[in-house]
Amino acid sequence: MKNKGRRNSPFFIIMIKFVLIILSIFPNEDTITASWYGEKWNGRVMANGEIYDMTKNTAAYNKVPLGTKLRVYRARDTSRFVDVIVTDRVSKQYSHRIDLSKSAFSVLGKLKRGLIKVKIETMIINETEEGE
């Protein structure tokens, strides 16, 4: 009797090819380093002109316009995520690529760690920001 396993079926082979094509078209976001900023910056004016509140889910990020909504995932556990609004910019002197508010960072990891690896998904792009 001939083995007619599912892995040899034409449907299975077509589905594998489809998945490989989709993955090549939409590659995974790079993993980047995130930090958090809190008490020292609380109450200061951000790049968008608003006052920083470390209890709100906000971020400093340079790759998208201010006002853009991002979903930030913990790189090693993508079931943990937080939605943030980009309200500020990261200084060029830092090696990390995104700063999360104290509140947003605490959803993804322990504050005492200071830095974590994350993946970012753009949810809503603010296209009204001038100069970007």
Protein backbone atom coordinates (compact mmCIF):
# COMPACT_ATOMS: atom_id res chain seq x y z
CA MET A 1 0.00 0.00 0.00
CA LYS A 2 1.40 3.36 -1.06
CA ASN A 3 1.87 6.05 1.64
CA LYS A 4 -0.45 8.94 0.78
CA GLY A 5 0.62 11.39 3.45
CA ARG A 6 -0.70 14.95 3.49
CA ARG A 7 2.78 16.38 2.95
CA ASN A 8 2.89 14.91 -0.54
CA SER A 9 -0.51 16.24 -1.57
CA PRO A 10 -0.66 18.97 -4.25
CA PHE A 11 -2.70 21.18 -1.90
CA PHE A 12 -0.02 21.03 0.82
CA ILE A 13 2.76 21.86 -1.65
CA ILE A 14 0.77 24.82 -3.06
CA MET A 15 0.10 26.14 0.46
CA ILE A 16 3.79 25.93 1.40
CA LYS A 17 4.73 27.86 -1.75
CA PHE A 18 2.04 30.47 -0.96
CA VAL A 19 3.35 30.97 2.59
CA LEU A 20 6.93 31.34 1.33
CA ILE A 21 5.83 33.97 -1.21
CA ILE A 22 3.88 35.92 1.42
CA LEU A 23 6.84 35.84 3.81
CA SER A 24 9.16 37.15 1.11
CA ILE A 25 6.77 40.00 0.24
CA PHE A 26 6.08 41.00 3.86
CA PRO A 27 9.27 40.34 5.82
CA ASN A 28 9.21 40.53 9.61
CA GLU A 29 10.13 43.85 11.19
CA ASP A 30 13.63 43.98 12.55
CA THR A 31 14.02 43.58 16.26
CA ILE A 32 15.08 46.86 17.83
CA THR A 33 16.08 48.01 21.30
CA ALA A 34 13.59 49.92 23.43
CA SER A 35 14.21 51.90 26.60
CA TRP A 36 11.88 53.87 28.83
CA TYR A 37 11.86 57.38 30.15
CA GLY A 38 10.07 58.50 33.27
CA GLU A 39 10.52 60.84 36.22
CA LYS A 40 13.33 62.98 34.80
CA TRP A 41 11.27 63.89 31.72
CA ASN A 42 7.82 63.96 33.32
CA GLY A 43 6.20 67.38 32.86
CA ARG A 44 8.60 68.53 30.11
CA VAL A 45 7.48 69.62 26.66
CA MET A 46 7.75 66.94 23.94
CA ALA A 47 8.44 67.41 20.22
CA ASN A 48 4.70 67.58 19.51
CA GLY A 49 4.32 70.51 21.92
CA GLU A 50 2.42 68.57 24.60
CA ILE A 51 3.57 67.93 28.16
CA TYR A 52 5.06 64.47 28.76
CA ASP A 53 3.02 62.30 31.13
CA MET A 54 4.82 59.06 32.04
CA THR A 55 1.49 57.40 32.93
CA LYS A 56 0.25 57.57 29.31
CA ASN A 57 1.23 55.11 26.58
CA THR A 58 3.45 57.28 24.40
CA ALA A 59 6.77 56.85 22.60
CA ALA A 60 9.71 58.74 21.15
CA TYR A 61 10.53 57.35 17.70
CA ASN A 62 12.22 58.86 14.64
CA LYS A 63 10.95 56.69 11.77
CA VAL A 64 7.31 57.89 11.54
CA PRO A 65 5.51 61.25 11.82
CA LEU A 66 4.47 62.54 15.24
CA GLY A 67 0.96 61.39 16.13
CA THR A 68 1.39 57.96 14.51
CA LYS A 69 -0.08 55.03 16.43
CA LEU A 70 2.27 52.05 16.86
CA ARG A 71 1.82 48.58 18.27
CA VAL A 72 4.98 47.54 20.11
CA TYR A 73 5.53 43.83 20.77
CA ARG A 74 7.99 42.16 23.12
CA ALA A 75 10.34 40.42 20.67
CA ARG A 76 10.51 37.10 22.50
CA ASP A 77 6.83 37.03 23.48
CA THR A 78 4.63 38.64 20.82
CA SER A 79 1.49 37.99 22.88
CA ARG A 80 2.68 40.95 25.01
CA PHE A 81 2.14 44.26 23.26
CA VAL A 82 1.16 47.85 23.91
CA ASP A 83 -0.31 50.51 21.62
CA VAL A 84 1.44 53.89 21.81
CA ILE A 85 1.24 57.29 20.14
CA VAL A 86 4.49 58.82 18.87
CA THR A 87 4.79 62.18 20.65
CA ASP A 88 8.54 62.76 20.75
CA ARG A 89 11.85 62.00 19.04
CA VAL A 90 14.82 59.88 20.20
CA SER A 91 18.10 61.72 20.56
CA LYS A 92 20.74 60.62 18.04
CA GLN A 93 23.25 60.08 20.88
CA TYR A 94 21.45 56.95 22.16
CA SER A 95 21.98 53.46 20.77
CA HIS A 96 18.38 52.38 21.26
CA ARG A 97 15.83 53.20 18.57
CA ILE A 98 12.62 53.80 20.53
CA ASP A 99 11.85 55.28 23.95
CA LEU A 100 8.63 54.14 25.59
CA SER A 101 6.87 55.96 28.39
CA LYS A 102 7.18 54.35 31.81
CA SER A 103 3.61 53.10 31.55
CA ALA A 104 4.07 51.54 28.09
CA PHE A 105 7.41 49.89 28.97
CA SER A 106 5.96 48.33 32.13
CA VAL A 107 3.39 46.46 30.01
CA LEU A 108 6.21 44.75 28.10
CA GLY A 109 8.85 44.20 30.76
CA LYS A 110 10.27 45.05 34.16
CA LEU A 111 11.38 48.66 34.51
CA LYS A 112 14.63 47.71 36.24
CA ARG A 113 15.78 45.92 33.05
CA GLY A 114 16.02 49.31 31.34
CA LEU A 115 16.28 47.91 27.80
CA ILE A 116 14.30 45.24 25.95
CA LYS A 117 14.10 43.93 22.40
CA VAL A 118 10.86 44.81 20.61
CA LYS A 119 9.16 44.63 17.24
CA ILE A 120 7.08 47.52 15.93
CA GLU A 121 3.96 47.54 13.80
CA THR A 122 2.58 50.82 12.43
CA MET A 123 -1.16 51.00 13.09
CA ILE A 124 -2.22 54.50 11.96
CA ILE A 125 0.08 56.99 10.27
CA ASN A 126 -0.45 60.68 11.00
CA GLU A 127 -0.02 62.25 7.58
CA THR A 128 -0.71 65.82 8.72
CA GLU A 129 2.70 66.45 10.30
CA GLU A 130 4.55 69.09 8.34
CA GLY A 131 8.20 68.71 7.41
CA GLU A 132 8.28 64.90 7.51
